[in-house]
Amino acid sequence: MKRYLVLALAFVMAASFAVVSAQSAEQVYRTVYSGEVTTLNYLVTSSTNEFGFAANFIDGLIEYDSLGMIKPSLATSWTVSDDGLVYTFKIREGVYWYDYRGNPVAEVVAQDWVDAMKYVLTPENASATANIAYNVIKNARAYYNGEITDFDQVGVKALDKYTLQYTLERPVPYFLSMLDYSVFFPANGEFLAQHGSRFGTDNTRLLYNGAYILTTFEHQNRRVLVKNQNYWDRDNVHIEQLIFTYNADAATIGPTLYMDGLISAVAIPSTLIDEWMADPRLRDMVRPNRPSFYSYFYCLNFDPRFDSAYDPDNWRIAVNNLNFRKSLFHGLNRLAAMVTSEPFFPENRLNNTITPAGFVDVNGVDYTQPGELAKFANTESFNPQLALEYKEKAMAELAGQVTFPVKVVMPYNTGSSEWEQRVQVVEQQMERLLGTDYIDIIPLPHPPTGFLDGTRRAGNYAFLECNWGPDYADPETFTDPFSRTGTYIFPHNTTEVDENGRNKFEVYEEMVNAAKAELVDMQKRYELFAAAEAYLIENAWVVPYGLGGGGYVSSLLNPFESPYAPFGVSSQRFKGQRILDKPMNSEEYYEALAEWEAARRAAAEQ
């Protein structure tokens, strides 16, 4: 089976916060956070903040090592049928579920994956990731939709106590990479039934089979993860405790806490990086943060549900006009926006497509280069002249239908000082270019806790900075936000038609479905997905912006010790990492990066 290998992924936890002074190598990681999780139920959440947290106390069938190679976790081995439809896994024997006090509850067995999948595929449990499973497992969609009621017909079975088998609807060459995502994690069926809808509502209503146990969970106060001393791979767990402390001002107070030795890592805000670089002592504590394959883009909302004071009906008419959207697409100075988070080399963080360059390739040709997508991948979208031309066209076409200036509701997360600054930059830059006779950008602050529920998922925005991280090694994963069930731009609400009178979303949907159906010729599959993505961008439903990660951090973690994968949850794990005696500086970082790249190339060739 082909492995899809890529170049880099940010370690999200270390990218957000920082660490202690170099006086001690005590194996305790301390950080602060401002955005509280809304659930610990890893089977239902689609939030990185939540499933990334769970990845530290739940193990799945496979994991990725620090070089990005798939390795056994709770599956010790597996086989794949010649037709690529049946995957059979041998489950590691002698692994147990533990309660939050560390007491053994039950052995981890093959049935735990079956029970967890039945939970995911039960609509009443409202799993936000069920589609990932039912898109590939045989009869899973039919069970989810109620077309069949016998779960034994679904393609996940425990052949015996330690043998698990998945049967797929069709060959899925990247299926192993999907198993690193939380929707394929196990759960003890008896415990699930006992707690029902309260499963994962706090640390006492979870069982743990991973590297850590969540011994303390105090909402908006403190979380403590303690090393599971009975963990099957405990020799590779070096940090004894992970201590997360709530602070509503975490993003701004982080550098002070770090310098006082109270936390273990910190992202250096763009507002402070010059000061740190000018101080020889501080400069020696700073290193670049690894970039990631999280794609950032600005979404235009086709189902506005914001307050009537901001005239959502007016926005609805405007956003269904192609020239209006293109005026925003070409009017956003992405480089100016990126300077708020990467002041030194902002161009290195820009991304011209939704699927990042370098994510996957066929026969050495990058996914972004064939066909129409290459036009966008290789061209800067910011073009003031085009923006003004599209403005004039839009105003002429919308005259008598829309009230100008169009109010553009643009929420931001108050937990990020850089995001607040970026919204202000975008507001000033775009209004100056396009004119306040045309648009009125309205920044709206929202608290970190519940931010997505209150903004994007609720349709409470017009123009919003969004992001998406890949769940598996295939470009299909980057289409998920823009489906009928996605909560990003709600494209199925568009009233716009093409030159043939066809609804544009239906055209896009057909293109995506045609790509999904191609399972043999991977080059053709990628070309079809690339064509669909080009159509999405050509119609300016989104404005590609940048990549996650990047920037600068000071941290007592070695980023090259962490598990590495551009998808799934492995990269969120603290397993394998150690607290260093002192922060890694930039020179040490680049030396370690070169060694890591050489080791990765060698591993890929084996």
Foldseek 3Di string as FASTA:
>chain_A
DDDFDFDFAFQVVQLAFAFFFLADQALEFEAEDAAFDQFLPQQADPDCVRVLVCCQFFDFQWFFALLGDIAGDQFNDWDADPQQFKIKTFGDPPFFWAALVLHGDGTDWLVQLVLLLVCSLACVLNRPCNCVVVVWWPCSVCCSVVVDVDSVRIQWDRPDGGMIMTGTPHRDPFVVLLRLFSNRTGADNVLCVVQPSCQGSFRRSGIGRHQWRFNDDDTQAKTKTAGNPPHPPNVLFARGMYIYGYDLQRQPCRVVCRHVRNGFKRFQFLVCPVVQCVDVVSQQLKAKTIFAQKFKWKFFALDADADCVQPVVLLNVLLLDLLSLLLLQQQFPLLLLQCRGVVPCSVVFWFQFLGGWRLGDDPPHTLQCPDLSVVRRVDDSHDLVSSQVSLVVSCVVCVPPHQPQREFEEEDEPNHPSRVVSLVSRQVRSCVRNHRRHYHYDYDYDYSHCPCVVPQQVSHGRIYIDIDFAAIRDLLSSCVCVDCSHRHRNQVSRPHADPVRHRLVVVLVVLSVVLSVDDPPRVVSSVSSSVSRSSCVSSSSMHTHGTPGTHMMRGQKQQSQARTDRHRNRSSYPRRIGRHSGTHHHVNNVVVSVVSVVVSVVVSVD
